[in-house]
């Protein structure tokens, strides 16, 4: 009856996971991709942005060397073409894993072209009609461009343009203080551009914990990034090669002039060209298609995963959703998505990592919590790395179980591993001390946090009085010395 067992529309992280798993398990699988296998993450997002951030970090480190030399260190000008070449090399090194050739070798049929619905079980690709019992939409997202007078006429950049710039702009205004805007803003600043980040939210990285986000904001400002929050862009004009932004802020109206304007103010789904109505589907605001916890749309045999469903715009979430589809479709094993403990990382310097509840989100959910704060100033390795400004927050419920962790520190994404297990398995806070870590490492922050909490409960006059009475200890303890002093 059908040409295939499953059709996957979209060759990004989620779609590739489904196509790979289903094809290797024996399903006749059609994979449809209209542009680049690997999706935005490989070509315009995660991979190139982290490469750019690494290169920008090298420039920042070179400048810091000046403090340890007897002569001024003057860096040569940035060669943006060399940076673009390096970005392309990294993409190329990873691309084969996502290539049509590899997926054909796994047993999938790959169709490179625009896929459109012509029925709830049928998809047309460049004149070819495919049909399947199950269809998966995994078409990803793109930068959402706000409707601001003059913006289109003035011209702007999105993340898709940032890794092929012909030259480094002298100045850049960035609309959006989320992860994309902040990461690219810090990178451009470290490469030498003047950067202004603008957002209508009251602070940078508004989805993250306020205290740990403040650590990142402080670093941005010390590096010379101008941050304008609580501001809306009312109008954009072009004056010669420059863009002029008229802002309405809490301090009144002001204007910002920059050579380039980067729009990083959210995302919208790539669903507008799918002819959803022919399949009985309808997209909501931003083009996103609502799904249940089984990832089914209102048409049950059509699933929507990754950015297209608007739940969490992260590559690792798309991969997890894809794995669930393989389980449900190929293995008929059931299963549902649980987003309660989704981790994420903003790859700024310092990085900002998050899993589980923040203090604010727990309170909004009506959960009675307390937060343990641990500064990296007590971690010896942080001093050697000039990273003592870092902060970790551990959110605990009334039974002292870990329900959330946020870390602002270099390599915070790598430091998050113990927290992932703690939140997922409901560890008590004290379990962070079960394993002792090598010295000196940044991971000591977990043990320090527990030790500091225990010391307040254990090393106090009441405990000492009890122990003296039980065991006839003769030491006075610090309280007596302090009293005598």
Protein backbone atom coordinates (compact mmCIF):
# COMPACT_ATOMS: atom_id res chain seq x y z
CA UNK A 1 0.00 0.00 0.00
CA UNK A 2 2.84 2.39 0.85
CA UNK A 3 6.17 3.03 -0.82
CA UNK A 4 7.96 3.15 2.55
CA UNK A 5 7.48 2.20 6.18
CA UNK A 6 8.48 5.65 7.42
CA UNK A 7 9.23 9.02 5.82
CA UNK A 8 11.46 11.47 7.65
CA UNK A 9 11.31 15.09 6.48
CA UNK A 10 14.42 16.92 7.62
CA UNK A 11 18.04 15.83 7.88
CA UNK A 12 19.09 17.54 11.10
CA UNK A 13 19.93 15.90 14.43
CA UNK A 14 16.44 14.58 15.10
CA UNK A 15 15.68 13.39 11.57
CA UNK A 16 19.03 11.69 11.19
CA UNK A 17 18.52 9.81 14.46
CA UNK A 18 15.18 8.47 13.25
CA UNK A 19 16.44 7.60 9.76
CA UNK A 20 19.55 5.86 11.07
CA UNK A 21 17.74 3.79 13.68
CA UNK A 22 14.77 2.82 11.54
CA UNK A 23 16.86 1.93 8.48
CA UNK A 24 19.25 -0.23 10.49
CA UNK A 25 16.31 -2.03 12.09
CA UNK A 26 14.95 -3.02 8.69
CA UNK A 27 12.28 -0.40 8.00
CA UNK A 28 12.13 0.93 4.46
CA UNK A 29 13.05 4.51 5.29
CA UNK A 30 12.87 7.65 3.16
CA UNK A 31 14.92 10.62 4.34
CA UNK A 32 14.07 13.96 2.72
CA UNK A 33 16.38 17.00 3.07
CA UNK A 34 16.02 20.18 1.06
CA UNK A 35 19.37 21.83 1.87
CA UNK A 36 22.16 20.44 4.07
CA UNK A 37 22.37 17.04 5.74
CA UNK A 38 23.30 17.77 9.34
CA UNK A 39 20.94 20.71 9.61
CA UNK A 40 21.50 24.11 11.17
CA UNK A 41 23.55 22.67 14.04
CA UNK A 42 26.30 21.41 11.77
CA UNK A 43 26.37 24.21 9.22
CA UNK A 44 25.18 27.41 10.96
CA UNK A 45 24.84 26.68 14.65
CA UNK A 46 26.53 24.47 17.24
CA UNK A 47 29.61 23.36 15.33
CA UNK A 48 30.69 26.62 13.63
CA UNK A 49 29.79 28.79 16.62
CA UNK A 50 31.86 26.70 19.03
CA UNK A 51 34.75 26.80 16.55
CA UNK A 52 34.45 30.58 16.38
CA UNK A 53 34.27 30.82 20.16
CA UNK A 54 37.44 28.74 20.48
CA UNK A 55 39.32 30.95 18.04
CA UNK A 56 38.08 34.10 19.77
CA UNK A 57 39.22 32.62 23.07
CA UNK A 58 42.72 32.20 21.65
CA UNK A 59 42.79 35.92 20.85
CA UNK A 60 41.57 36.76 24.34
CA UNK A 61 44.26 34.56 25.90
CA UNK A 62 46.94 36.18 23.74
CA UNK A 63 45.91 39.61 25.02
CA UNK A 64 46.11 38.40 28.62
CA UNK A 65 49.73 37.38 28.04
CA UNK A 66 50.61 41.08 28.22
CA UNK A 67 50.42 40.88 32.01
CA UNK A 68 53.39 38.48 32.00
CA UNK A 69 55.72 40.18 29.55
CA UNK A 70 58.08 43.13 29.75
CA UNK A 71 56.93 44.53 26.45
CA UNK A 72 53.47 45.27 25.12
CA UNK A 73 51.90 42.44 23.14
CA UNK A 74 50.36 43.71 19.93
CA UNK A 75 48.23 41.23 18.09
CA UNK A 76 48.14 41.22 14.30
CA UNK A 77 44.78 42.06 12.71
CA UNK A 78 42.19 39.30 12.49
CA UNK A 79 42.09 37.44 9.18
CA UNK A 80 38.40 36.64 8.88
CA UNK A 81 38.97 34.53 5.76
CA UNK A 82 41.35 32.27 7.71
CA UNK A 83 38.74 31.94 10.46
CA UNK A 84 36.08 31.06 7.89
CA UNK A 85 38.42 28.45 6.43
CA UNK A 86 38.97 26.86 9.83
CA UNK A 87 35.23 26.80 10.49
CA UNK A 88 34.67 25.10 7.13
CA UNK A 89 37.40 22.54 7.94
CA UNK A 90 35.71 21.58 11.19
CA UNK A 91 32.33 21.26 9.50
CA UNK A 92 33.94 19.14 6.79
CA UNK A 93 35.58 16.84 9.33
CA UNK A 94 32.19 16.08 10.89
CA UNK A 95 30.04 16.19 7.76
CA UNK A 96 30.63 12.63 6.54
CA UNK A 97 28.89 11.26 9.60
CA UNK A 98 25.76 13.09 8.37
CA UNK A 99 26.29 12.62 4.63
CA UNK A 100 23.82 11.10 2.13
CA UNK A 101 26.41 8.41 1.31
CA UNK A 102 26.58 7.21 4.89
CA UNK A 103 22.82 7.08 5.32
CA UNK A 104 22.39 5.22 2.06
CA UNK A 105 24.96 2.74 3.34
CA UNK A 106 22.77 2.26 6.43
CA UNK A 107 19.85 1.35 4.22
CA UNK A 108 17.93 4.61 3.99
CA UNK A 109 16.76 6.14 0.71
CA UNK A 110 17.88 9.76 0.67
CA UNK A 111 15.94 12.33 -1.34
CA UNK A 112 17.67 15.71 -1.68
CA UNK A 113 14.87 18.12 -2.43
CA UNK A 114 11.88 19.99 -1.06
CA UNK A 115 9.32 17.77 0.65
CA UNK A 116 5.65 18.78 0.67
CA UNK A 117 2.54 16.99 1.87
CA UNK A 118 -0.03 16.02 -0.72
CA UNK A 119 -2.00 13.93 1.79
CA UNK A 120 -1.72 12.74 5.36
CA UNK A 121 0.32 9.71 4.24
CA UNK A 122 1.92 11.17 1.09
CA UNK A 123 4.87 13.48 0.48
CA UNK A 124 5.99 14.85 -2.89
CA UNK A 125 9.70 15.51 -3.50
CA UNK A 126 10.60 17.13 -6.82
CA UNK A 127 7.84 15.24 -8.63
CA UNK A 128 8.36 11.91 -6.89
CA UNK A 129 5.49 10.76 -4.64
CA UNK A 130 6.43 8.92 -1.44
CA UNK A 131 3.98 7.33 0.95
CA UNK A 132 4.27 5.73 4.36
CA UNK A 133 2.24 4.59 7.34
CA UNK A 134 4.32 6.84 9.60
CA UNK A 135 5.74 10.28 8.84
CA UNK A 136 8.15 12.29 10.97
CA UNK A 137 8.55 16.06 10.60
CA UNK A 138 12.03 17.17 11.69
CA UNK A 139 12.51 20.34 9.66
CA UNK A 140 14.22 22.45 12.33
CA UNK A 141 14.04 26.20 12.75
CA UNK A 142 15.53 29.49 11.60
CA UNK A 143 16.10 32.91 13.12
CA UNK A 144 12.84 34.72 13.82
CA UNK A 145 12.94 38.20 12.30
CA UNK A 146 10.81 40.71 14.23
CA UNK A 147 8.52 43.11 12.40
CA UNK A 148 10.36 46.38 13.00
CA UNK A 149 9.92 49.37 10.70
CA UNK A 150 12.96 49.81 8.47
CA UNK A 151 14.64 46.52 9.40
CA UNK A 152 14.30 44.84 6.01
CA UNK A 153 15.41 47.96 4.16
CA UNK A 154 18.44 48.49 6.43
CA UNK A 155 19.59 44.89 6.08
CA UNK A 156 20.63 42.48 8.81
CA UNK A 157 22.54 39.29 9.57
CA UNK A 158 21.37 36.06 11.22
CA UNK A 159 23.37 33.11 12.52
CA UNK A 160 23.42 31.73 8.95
CA UNK A 161 25.60 34.66 7.85
CA UNK A 162 28.10 34.73 10.69
CA UNK A 163 30.56 32.14 9.41
CA UNK A 164 31.10 33.52 5.93
CA UNK A 165 31.59 37.23 6.60
CA UNK A 166 33.87 38.89 4.03
CA UNK A 167 35.41 41.05 6.76
CA UNK A 168 35.21 41.58 10.50
CA UNK A 169 32.76 44.43 11.19
CA UNK A 170 34.09 47.35 13.17
CA UNK A 171 30.91 47.38 15.25
CA UNK A 172 27.90 45.10 15.63
CA UNK A 173 24.52 45.63 17.29
CA UNK A 174 22.90 42.36 18.37
CA UNK A 175 19.16 42.07 18.89
CA UNK A 176 18.73 39.31 21.45
CA UNK A 177 20.50 38.46 24.72
CA UNK A 178 19.83 34.73 24.62
CA UNK A 179 22.56 32.13 24.08
CA UNK A 180 23.04 32.81 20.36
CA UNK A 181 23.32 36.57 20.75
CA UNK A 182 25.56 36.40 23.81
CA UNK A 183 27.90 33.72 22.45
CA UNK A 184 28.39 35.45 19.10
CA UNK A 185 28.62 38.85 20.81
CA UNK A 186 31.46 37.74 23.07
CA UNK A 187 33.27 36.09 20.16
CA UNK A 188 33.03 39.19 17.96
CA UNK A 189 34.19 41.41 20.80
CA UNK A 190 37.22 39.22 21.47
CA UNK A 191 38.11 39.38 17.78
CA UNK A 192 38.08 43.18 17.96
CA UNK A 193 34.60 44.40 17.05
CA UNK A 194 32.67 46.88 19.18
CA UNK A 195 29.55 45.00 20.35
CA UNK A 196 26.22 46.15 21.77
CA UNK A 197 23.68 43.53 22.91
CA UNK A 198 20.05 44.67 23.13
CA UNK A 199 17.10 42.81 24.65
CA UNK A 200 13.65 43.68 25.92
CA UNK A 201 14.15 41.33 28.89
CA UNK A 202 15.47 42.86 32.11
CA UNK A 203 18.73 40.90 31.96
CA UNK A 204 21.05 38.80 29.83
CA UNK A 205 20.22 35.08 29.41
CA UNK A 206 16.72 35.49 30.85
CA UNK A 207 15.89 31.75 30.78
CA UNK A 208 18.80 30.99 33.10
CA UNK A 209 19.23 31.48 36.82
CA UNK A 210 19.70 35.19 37.55
CA UNK A 211 22.71 34.86 39.88
CA UNK A 212 24.75 32.62 37.62
CA UNK A 213 23.78 34.66 34.54
CA UNK A 214 25.10 37.74 36.35
CA UNK A 215 28.57 36.11 36.42
CA UNK A 216 28.49 35.92 32.61
CA UNK A 217 27.16 39.48 32.30
CA UNK A 218 29.97 40.79 34.46
CA UNK A 219 32.57 39.15 32.23
CA UNK A 220 30.94 40.52 29.07
CA UNK A 221 30.95 44.04 30.44
CA UNK A 222 34.57 43.81 31.62
CA UNK A 223 35.55 42.70 28.13
CA UNK A 224 33.89 45.80 26.69
CA UNK A 225 30.52 44.49 25.51
CA UNK A 226 27.77 47.08 25.96
CA UNK A 227 24.59 45.51 27.32
CA UNK A 228 21.27 47.33 26.95
CA UNK A 229 18.36 45.48 28.59
CA UNK A 230 14.73 46.44 29.09
CA UNK A 231 14.84 48.00 25.62
CA UNK A 232 12.75 47.65 22.47
CA UNK A 233 13.93 48.52 18.99
CA UNK A 234 11.34 50.90 17.50
CA UNK A 235 12.92 51.69 14.14
CA UNK A 236 16.00 50.91 12.05
CA UNK A 237 17.48 53.11 9.33
CA UNK A 238 20.52 52.87 7.11
CA UNK A 239 22.99 55.73 6.92
CA UNK A 240 25.69 54.90 4.40
CA UNK A 241 27.06 51.51 5.46
CA UNK A 242 25.87 51.88 9.04
CA UNK A 243 22.62 50.86 10.72
CA UNK A 244 20.98 53.21 13.19
CA UNK A 245 18.68 51.65 15.80
CA UNK A 246 16.17 53.79 17.65
CA UNK A 247 15.53 52.29 21.09
CA UNK A 248 12.92 52.84 23.75
CA UNK A 249 14.49 52.04 27.13
CA UNK A 250 13.61 52.50 30.78
CA UNK A 251 15.88 55.55 30.69
CA UNK A 252 14.15 57.05 27.67
CA UNK A 253 14.87 56.92 23.98
CA UNK A 254 18.36 56.44 22.63
CA UNK A 255 20.01 55.52 19.35
CA UNK A 256 22.78 53.04 18.56
CA UNK A 257 24.86 53.07 15.40
CA UNK A 258 26.68 49.98 14.17
CA UNK A 259 28.27 48.69 10.98
CA UNK A 260 26.24 45.47 11.13
CA UNK A 261 23.03 44.34 12.79
CA UNK A 262 22.68 40.72 13.95
CA UNK A 263 19.17 39.43 14.64
CA UNK A 264 19.20 36.73 17.34
CA UNK A 265 15.78 37.29 18.87
CA UNK A 266 14.33 33.80 18.96
CA UNK A 267 13.51 31.10 16.44
CA UNK A 268 10.65 30.09 14.15
CA UNK A 269 9.94 26.67 12.69
CA UNK A 270 10.69 25.65 9.09
CA UNK A 271 7.18 24.39 8.48
CA UNK A 272 5.73 27.10 6.23
CA UNK A 273 6.55 25.29 2.97
CA UNK A 274 5.31 21.83 3.93
CA UNK A 275 1.66 22.37 2.85
CA UNK A 276 0.57 21.22 6.30
CA UNK A 277 -3.11 21.75 5.56
CA UNK A 278 -3.05 18.90 3.02
CA UNK A 279 -2.07 16.55 5.84
CA UNK A 280 -4.69 17.89 8.24
CA UNK A 281 -2.11 19.82 10.27
CA UNK A 282 -1.94 23.41 11.39
CA UNK A 283 1.04 25.30 12.77
CA UNK A 284 0.73 27.60 15.73
CA UNK A 285 2.57 30.79 16.54
CA UNK A 286 6.08 30.79 15.15
CA UNK A 287 5.24 27.91 12.83
CA UNK A 288 5.61 25.32 15.59
CA UNK A 289 3.45 22.18 15.53
CA UNK A 290 2.05 21.09 18.89
CA UNK A 291 2.61 17.49 19.99
CA UNK A 292 1.76 15.31 22.98
CA UNK A 293 4.30 13.54 25.15
CA UNK A 294 4.42 10.72 22.57
CA UNK A 295 5.50 13.37 20.02
CA UNK A 296 2.29 12.84 18.02
CA UNK A 297 0.59 15.74 16.28
CA UNK A 298 -3.21 16.00 15.98
CA UNK A 299 -2.77 13.53 13.13
CA UNK A 300 -1.48 10.60 15.24
CA UNK A 301 0.63 8.91 12.58
CA UNK A 302 2.54 12.17 11.97
CA UNK A 303 5.16 12.92 14.61
CA UNK A 304 7.03 16.19 15.03
CA UNK A 305 10.47 16.32 16.65
CA UNK A 306 13.27 18.80 17.25
CA UNK A 307 12.88 22.53 16.85
CA UNK A 308 9.74 22.09 14.73
CA UNK A 309 7.63 21.19 17.77
CA UNK A 310 8.83 24.25 19.72
CA UNK A 311 9.48 22.44 22.99
CA UNK A 312 13.26 22.82 23.50
CA UNK A 313 15.48 24.12 20.68
CA UNK A 314 18.50 21.98 21.49
CA UNK A 315 20.31 19.43 19.35
CA UNK A 316 20.53 16.93 22.20
CA UNK A 317 16.77 17.19 22.78
CA UNK A 318 16.12 16.56 19.08
CA UNK A 319 18.35 13.48 19.31
CA UNK A 320 16.48 12.20 22.37
CA UNK A 321 13.15 12.75 20.64
CA UNK A 322 14.44 10.93 17.57
CA UNK A 323 15.49 7.99 19.73
CA UNK A 324 11.98 7.83 21.20
CA UNK A 325 10.48 7.74 17.71
CA UNK A 326 12.73 4.80 16.79
CA UNK A 327 11.60 3.02 19.94
CA UNK A 328 7.93 3.67 19.23
CA UNK A 329 7.90 3.16 15.44
CA UNK A 330 10.50 0.45 14.82
CA UNK A 331 10.39 -1.50 18.06
CA UNK A 332 6.71 -0.85 18.90
CA UNK A 333 7.93 -0.42 22.49
CA UNK A 334 6.02 2.71 23.49
CA UNK A 335 7.53 5.42 25.66
CA UNK A 336 6.98 9.11 26.34
CA UNK A 337 9.16 12.22 26.52
CA UNK A 338 9.98 13.68 29.93
CA UNK A 339 11.41 17.18 29.66
CA UNK A 340 11.64 17.86 33.38
CA UNK A 341 15.41 17.46 33.58
CA UNK A 342 16.59 18.79 30.21
CA UNK A 343 20.14 20.19 30.55
CA UNK A 344 21.55 23.05 28.51
CA UNK A 345 24.73 25.09 28.27
CA UNK A 346 25.49 28.59 27.04
CA UNK A 347 29.04 28.39 25.69
CA UNK A 348 30.18 31.81 26.79
CA UNK A 349 33.32 32.36 28.84
CA UNK A 350 32.59 31.46 31.57
CA UNK A 351 30.10 28.83 30.43
CA UNK A 352 26.67 28.70 32.02
CA UNK A 353 25.26 25.19 32.52
CA UNK A 354 21.82 24.22 33.80
CA UNK A 355 19.87 21.07 34.68
CA UNK A 356 16.59 20.62 36.52
CA UNK A 357 14.90 23.38 38.47
CA UNK A 358 16.37 26.77 39.15
CA UNK A 359 15.47 28.44 42.42
CA UNK A 360 12.99 30.69 40.61
CA UNK A 361 11.35 27.97 38.49
CA UNK A 362 10.93 25.72 41.53
CA UNK A 363 9.21 28.51 43.43
CA UNK A 364 6.95 29.16 40.42
CA UNK A 365 6.04 25.45 40.46
CA UNK A 366 5.10 25.71 44.13
CA UNK A 367 8.03 23.60 45.34
CA UNK A 368 9.52 24.51 48.70
CA UNK A 369 13.29 24.68 48.09
CA UNK A 370 16.51 26.04 49.41
CA UNK A 371 19.60 26.84 47.38
CA UNK A 372 23.18 26.07 48.35
CA UNK A 373 25.64 28.51 46.79
CA UNK A 374 29.28 27.59 46.32
CA UNK A 375 31.81 30.06 45.00
CA UNK A 376 34.72 28.75 42.98
CA UNK A 377 36.93 31.06 45.06
CA UNK A 378 37.25 28.12 47.48
CA UNK A 379 38.44 25.77 44.71
CA UNK A 380 42.22 25.82 44.37
CA UNK A 381 42.21 24.90 40.67
CA UNK A 382 39.94 27.88 39.98
CA UNK A 383 42.65 30.17 41.33
CA UNK A 384 45.26 28.63 39.06
CA UNK A 385 42.89 29.11 36.09
CA UNK A 386 41.94 32.70 37.05
CA UNK A 387 38.37 31.47 37.42
CA UNK A 388 37.53 32.16 41.05
CA UNK A 389 34.58 34.38 40.08
CA UNK A 390 32.60 31.23 39.17
CA UNK A 391 29.48 30.17 41.05
CA UNK A 392 27.54 26.92 41.51
CA UNK A 393 23.99 26.76 42.87
CA UNK A 394 22.43 23.51 44.02
CA UNK A 395 18.65 23.57 44.44
CA UNK A 396 17.36 21.18 47.13
CA UNK A 397 13.82 20.15 48.04
CA UNK A 398 12.56 19.81 51.62
CA UNK A 399 14.06 16.29 51.82
CA UNK A 400 17.49 17.59 50.78
CA UNK A 401 17.24 15.93 47.36
CA UNK A 402 19.00 17.62 44.44
CA UNK A 403 16.37 18.89 41.99
CA UNK A 404 18.48 21.41 40.07
CA UNK A 405 22.03 22.67 39.54
CA UNK A 406 23.36 25.76 37.79
CA UNK A 407 27.07 26.41 37.21
CA UNK A 408 28.83 29.49 35.86
CA UNK A 409 32.47 28.61 35.33
CA UNK A 410 34.97 27.71 32.61
CA UNK A 411 34.01 24.27 31.28
CA UNK A 412 30.70 24.31 33.16
CA UNK A 413 29.17 21.99 30.57
CA UNK A 414 31.76 19.33 31.41
CA UNK A 415 31.35 19.96 35.14
CA UNK A 416 27.62 19.27 34.90
CA UNK A 417 27.96 15.46 34.71
CA UNK A 418 27.58 14.72 38.47
CA UNK A 419 24.58 17.05 38.57
CA UNK A 420 22.90 15.18 35.71
CA UNK A 421 23.00 11.95 37.73
CA UNK A 422 21.97 13.69 40.95
CA UNK A 423 18.89 15.32 39.43
CA UNK A 424 17.85 12.28 37.40
CA UNK A 425 18.15 9.83 40.30
CA UNK A 426 17.05 12.12 43.15
CA UNK A 427 20.33 12.00 45.06
CA UNK A 428 20.55 13.47 48.50
CA UNK A 429 22.90 16.44 48.59
CA UNK A 430 25.53 14.61 50.64
CA UNK A 431 26.10 12.02 47.89
CA UNK A 432 28.25 14.54 46.05
CA UNK A 433 30.99 13.56 48.52
CA UNK A 434 30.74 9.81 47.87
CA UNK A 435 33.56 9.97 45.33
CA UNK A 436 36.70 11.96 46.10
CA UNK A 437 38.09 13.82 43.11
CA UNK A 438 41.71 14.27 42.02
CA UNK A 439 43.45 17.37 43.30
CA UNK A 440 43.45 19.99 41.92
CA UNK A 441 40.40 19.89 39.67
CA UNK A 442 37.37 22.13 39.19
CA UNK A 443 35.11 19.19 40.13
CA UNK A 444 36.13 19.73 43.75
CA UNK A 445 33.37 22.34 43.83
CA UNK A 446 30.81 19.61 44.59
CA UNK A 447 32.68 18.31 47.62
CA UNK A 448 33.35 21.86 48.80
CA UNK A 449 29.65 22.66 48.67
CA UNK A 450 28.77 19.62 50.81
CA UNK A 451 31.63 20.23 53.24
CA UNK A 452 30.63 23.83 53.80
CA UNK A 453 27.07 22.79 54.52
CA UNK A 454 28.17 20.02 56.89
CA UNK A 455 30.67 22.23 58.69
CA UNK A 456 27.90 24.60 59.77
CA UNK A 457 25.92 21.68 61.19
CA UNK A 458 28.87 19.79 62.69
CA UNK A 459 31.48 22.30 63.85
CA UNK A 460 29.53 24.33 66.38
CA UNK A 461 29.42 24.80 70.18
CA UNK A 462 26.40 22.51 70.68
CA UNK A 463 28.04 19.52 69.00
CA UNK A 464 31.28 20.12 70.91
CA UNK A 465 29.45 20.21 74.25
CA UNK A 466 27.71 16.92 73.46
CA UNK A 467 30.97 15.21 72.45
CA UNK A 468 32.80 16.50 75.54
CA UNK A 469 30.05 15.04 77.70
CA UNK A 470 30.03 11.68 75.92
CA UNK A 471 33.72 11.10 75.37
CA UNK A 472 35.43 13.50 77.84
CA UNK A 473 37.31 15.35 75.13
CA UNK A 474 39.53 18.07 76.54
CA UNK A 475 39.86 20.43 73.57
CA UNK A 476 38.28 23.85 73.83
CA UNK A 477 37.41 24.33 70.20
CA UNK A 478 37.50 27.60 68.31
CA UNK A 479 34.56 29.18 70.14
CA UNK A 480 36.40 29.25 73.47
CA UNK A 481 39.46 30.77 71.89
CA UNK A 482 37.37 33.44 70.21
CA UNK A 483 35.60 34.19 73.52
CA UNK A 484 38.92 34.45 75.35
CA UNK A 485 40.22 36.77 72.66
